[in-house]
Amino acid sequence: MPQVRRQDVPPLLLQHLLERIHERHIGAKQLELLAAWLDGEPKVPEGPWYKRFSGMTVCGEGELIKTFLLPGQAPQGERVR
């Protein structure tokens, strides 16, 4: 199982993630929770996955985070802890 990539994220994907953070008003506390989770070097599935936090859901595929959803938006893929 891969680990979430934290470096060398494709520039267009990074731009997309930054836009979602801004558009969906994802706060610093949620990003701190994400960073703490990433510090644990979590393993994620090869295919689509998601991780729920109190104020957002992180969606990814394999080693890449693909987007951020707000509570109430339905993620796809395998839930990770």
C-alpha atoms as a PDB file:
ATOM      1  CA  MET A   1       0.000   0.000   0.000  1.00  0.00           C
ATOM      2  CA  PRO A   2       1.368   3.443  -0.871  1.00  0.00           C
ATOM      3  CA  GLN A   3       1.906   6.371   1.471  1.00  0.00           C
ATOM      4  CA  VAL A   4       0.470   9.797   0.704  1.00  0.00           C
ATOM      5  CA  ARG A   5       2.932  11.841  -1.319  1.00  0.00           C
ATOM      6  CA  ARG A   6       3.919  15.080   0.419  1.00  0.00           C
ATOM      7  CA  GLN A   7       6.537  16.279  -2.060  1.00  0.00           C
ATOM      8  CA  ASP A   8       6.682  16.664  -5.818  1.00  0.00           C
ATOM      9  CA  VAL A   9       2.910  16.967  -6.155  1.00  0.00           C
ATOM     10  CA  PRO A  10       2.075  17.803  -9.791  1.00  0.00           C
ATOM     11  CA  PRO A  11       1.714  21.609 -10.095  1.00  0.00           C
ATOM     12  CA  LEU A  12      -1.803  21.519 -11.565  1.00  0.00           C
ATOM     13  CA  LEU A  13      -2.985  19.217  -8.790  1.00  0.00           C
ATOM     14  CA  LEU A  14      -1.420  21.456  -6.145  1.00  0.00           C
ATOM     15  CA  GLN A  15      -3.200  24.454  -7.686  1.00  0.00           C
ATOM     16  CA  HIS A  16      -6.498  22.530  -7.609  1.00  0.00           C
ATOM     17  CA  LEU A  17      -6.026  21.659  -3.921  1.00  0.00           C
ATOM     18  CA  LEU A  18      -5.224  25.258  -3.007  1.00  0.00           C
ATOM     19  CA  GLU A  19      -8.327  26.427  -4.888  1.00  0.00           C
ATOM     20  CA  ARG A  20     -10.522  23.940  -3.006  1.00  0.00           C
ATOM     21  CA  ILE A  21      -9.095  25.076   0.337  1.00  0.00           C
ATOM     22  CA  HIS A  22      -9.915  28.667  -0.553  1.00  0.00           C
ATOM     23  CA  GLU A  23     -13.319  28.066  -2.196  1.00  0.00           C
ATOM     24  CA  ARG A  24     -14.570  25.769   0.559  1.00  0.00           C
ATOM     25  CA  HIS A  25     -13.180  27.912   3.387  1.00  0.00           C
ATOM     26  CA  ILE A  26     -11.216  25.056   4.909  1.00  0.00           C
ATOM     27  CA  GLY A  27      -9.678  26.453   8.069  1.00  0.00           C
ATOM     28  CA  ALA A  28      -6.252  26.181   9.595  1.00  0.00           C
ATOM     29  CA  LYS A  29      -7.467  23.736  12.266  1.00  0.00           C
ATOM     30  CA  GLN A  30      -8.562  21.250   9.607  1.00  0.00           C
ATOM     31  CA  LEU A  31      -5.232  21.615   7.807  1.00  0.00           C
ATOM     32  CA  GLU A  32      -3.425  21.042  11.113  1.00  0.00           C
ATOM     33  CA  LEU A  33      -5.394  17.818  11.582  1.00  0.00           C
ATOM     34  CA  LEU A  34      -4.449  16.775   8.043  1.00  0.00           C
ATOM     35  CA  ALA A  35      -0.775  17.536   8.693  1.00  0.00           C
ATOM     36  CA  ALA A  36      -0.810  15.527  11.923  1.00  0.00           C
ATOM     37  CA  TRP A  37      -2.398  12.577  10.106  1.00  0.00           C
ATOM     38  CA  LEU A  38       0.192  12.820   7.331  1.00  0.00           C
ATOM     39  CA  ASP A  39       3.002  12.919   9.929  1.00  0.00           C
ATOM     40  CA  GLY A  40       1.934   9.395  10.865  1.00  0.00           C
ATOM     41  CA  GLU A  41       2.839   8.273   7.315  1.00  0.00           C
ATOM     42  CA  PRO A  42      -0.534   6.596   6.732  1.00  0.00           C
ATOM     43  CA  LYS A  43      -0.895   3.805   4.220  1.00  0.00           C
ATOM     44  CA  VAL A  44      -3.634   4.306   1.630  1.00  0.00           C
ATOM     45  CA  PRO A  45      -5.147   2.046  -1.039  1.00  0.00           C
ATOM     46  CA  GLU A  46      -3.923   2.066  -4.651  1.00  0.00           C
ATOM     47  CA  GLY A  47      -7.348   3.197  -5.857  1.00  0.00           C
ATOM     48  CA  PRO A  48      -9.799   5.850  -4.623  1.00  0.00           C
ATOM     49  CA  TRP A  49      -9.890   6.537  -0.878  1.00  0.00           C
ATOM     50  CA  TYR A  50     -11.049   9.143   1.618  1.00  0.00           C
ATOM     51  CA  LYS A  51     -10.274  10.267   5.158  1.00  0.00           C
ATOM     52  CA  ARG A  52     -12.885  12.106   7.222  1.00  0.00           C
ATOM     53  CA  PHE A  53     -11.968  14.934   9.572  1.00  0.00           C
ATOM     54  CA  SER A  54     -14.374  16.974  11.689  1.00  0.00           C
ATOM     55  CA  GLY A  55     -14.801  19.758   9.120  1.00  0.00           C
ATOM     56  CA  MET A  56     -13.711  18.223   5.819  1.00  0.00           C
ATOM     57  CA  THR A  57     -13.058  15.007   3.960  1.00  0.00           C
ATOM     58  CA  VAL A  58      -9.795  14.439   2.111  1.00  0.00           C
ATOM     59  CA  CYS A  59     -10.170  12.391  -1.073  1.00  0.00           C
ATOM     60  CA  GLY A  60      -7.312  10.717  -2.844  1.00  0.00           C
ATOM     61  CA  GLU A  61      -6.253   8.050  -5.264  1.00  0.00           C
ATOM     62  CA  GLY A  62      -3.171   6.035  -4.530  1.00  0.00           C
ATOM     63  CA  GLU A  63      -0.404   8.258  -3.208  1.00  0.00           C
ATOM     64  CA  LEU A  64      -2.040  11.540  -4.231  1.00  0.00           C
ATOM     65  CA  ILE A  65      -4.590  13.688  -2.429  1.00  0.00           C
ATOM     66  CA  LYS A  66      -7.046  14.731  -5.147  1.00  0.00           C
ATOM     67  CA  THR A  67      -9.548  17.073  -3.469  1.00  0.00           C
ATOM     68  CA  PHE A  68     -11.203  18.283  -0.290  1.00  0.00           C
ATOM     69  CA  LEU A  69     -14.930  17.931   0.406  1.00  0.00           C
ATOM     70  CA  LEU A  70     -17.122  19.639   2.964  1.00  0.00           C
ATOM     71  CA  PRO A  71     -19.329  17.755   5.433  1.00  0.00           C
ATOM     72  CA  GLY A  72     -22.413  16.579   3.588  1.00  0.00           C
ATOM     73  CA  GLN A  73     -20.567  16.000   0.310  1.00  0.00           C
ATOM     74  CA  ALA A  74     -20.322  12.307  -0.558  1.00  0.00           C
ATOM     75  CA  PRO A  75     -16.832  10.854  -1.005  1.00  0.00           C
ATOM     76  CA  GLN A  76     -16.037   7.853  -3.151  1.00  0.00           C
ATOM     77  CA  GLY A  77     -13.618   5.035  -2.536  1.00  0.00           C
ATOM     78  CA  GLU A  78     -12.380   3.183   0.522  1.00  0.00           C
ATOM     79  CA  ARG A  79     -12.469   4.903   3.897  1.00  0.00           C
ATOM     80  CA  VAL A  80      -9.084   5.075   5.609  1.00  0.00           C
ATOM     81  CA  ARG A  81      -8.361   5.763   9.268  1.00  0.00           C
END
